[in-house]
Amino acid sequence: MTKQIGGQEMRDLADKIRKEIPGLGFALLVFQFHEPGMSNYISNGQRKDMIKAMKETIDRLEKQQDYPTPERN
């Protein structure tokens, strides 16, 4: 059975993320593992900026490149 998350739940999660990382862009993609179907997406950026960021992320993932992260992570 495909499990979906509703629009209000996605907005609530986005509000929590926005409060945790003020001033940074984010995209949240929610999907069910091993089940074909629709994924849910929400972000705080402009669509063109998020598409660019997601393409860059996909490129790094496909090349199996690690992301540099601050020491506090």
Protein backbone atom coordinates (compact mmCIF):
# COMPACT_ATOMS: atom_id res chain seq x y z
CA MET A 1 0.00 0.00 0.00
CA THR A 2 1.34 3.42 -0.94
CA LYS A 3 1.59 5.80 1.97
CA GLN A 4 1.22 9.50 1.21
CA ILE A 5 1.81 12.61 3.29
CA GLY A 6 -0.69 15.42 2.95
CA GLY A 7 -0.12 18.99 1.88
CA GLN A 8 -0.63 20.42 5.35
CA GLU A 9 1.82 17.92 6.84
CA MET A 10 4.40 18.95 4.23
CA ARG A 11 3.86 22.64 5.05
CA ASP A 12 4.21 21.90 8.77
CA LEU A 13 7.50 20.07 8.15
CA ALA A 14 8.72 22.94 5.96
CA ASP A 15 7.93 25.42 8.75
CA LYS A 16 10.00 23.35 11.18
CA ILE A 17 12.93 23.16 8.76
CA ARG A 18 12.72 26.90 8.05
CA LYS A 19 12.97 27.63 11.79
CA GLU A 20 15.95 25.28 12.23
CA ILE A 21 18.01 26.70 9.37
CA PRO A 22 17.00 30.34 8.91
CA GLY A 23 18.45 32.01 5.85
CA LEU A 24 19.28 28.76 4.05
CA GLY A 25 17.50 27.17 1.14
CA PHE A 26 16.05 23.69 1.42
CA ALA A 27 14.01 21.12 -0.45
CA LEU A 28 12.18 18.25 1.19
CA LEU A 29 11.37 15.19 -0.91
CA VAL A 30 9.22 12.50 0.71
CA PHE A 31 8.58 9.14 -0.92
CA GLN A 32 7.90 5.53 -0.01
CA PHE A 33 10.79 3.09 -0.45
CA HIS A 34 10.41 0.25 -2.96
CA GLU A 35 6.99 1.38 -4.10
CA PRO A 36 6.29 3.17 -7.35
CA GLY A 37 4.18 6.22 -6.94
CA MET A 38 4.21 9.89 -6.40
CA SER A 39 6.68 11.72 -4.22
CA ASN A 40 5.88 14.87 -2.29
CA TYR A 41 8.12 17.93 -2.59
CA ILE A 42 8.27 21.29 -0.84
CA SER A 43 10.95 23.97 -0.66
CA ASN A 44 11.49 27.57 0.35
CA GLY A 45 13.29 28.54 -2.87
CA GLN A 46 12.28 29.68 -6.29
CA ARG A 47 11.58 26.77 -8.62
CA LYS A 48 14.48 27.58 -10.99
CA ASP A 49 16.93 27.80 -8.06
CA MET A 50 15.73 24.52 -6.58
CA ILE A 51 15.94 22.74 -9.95
CA LYS A 52 19.55 23.92 -10.27
CA ALA A 53 20.40 22.78 -6.72
CA MET A 54 18.72 19.40 -7.24
CA LYS A 55 20.55 18.83 -10.55
CA GLU A 56 23.85 19.63 -8.85
CA THR A 57 22.98 17.21 -6.05
CA ILE A 58 22.01 14.45 -8.48
CA ASP A 59 25.26 14.95 -10.38
CA ARG A 60 27.31 14.57 -7.18
CA LEU A 61 25.33 11.53 -6.08
CA GLU A 62 25.76 9.82 -9.44
CA LYS A 63 29.51 10.48 -9.28
CA GLN A 64 29.54 9.19 -5.68
CA GLN A 65 31.13 12.43 -4.48
CA ASP A 66 30.98 13.32 -0.82
CA TYR A 67 29.80 16.72 0.31
CA PRO A 68 32.17 18.81 2.39
CA THR A 69 30.45 19.55 5.70
CA PRO A 70 31.38 21.75 8.65
CA GLU A 71 33.05 20.02 11.58
CA ARG A 72 29.98 20.46 13.77
CA ASN A 73 28.04 17.94 11.63
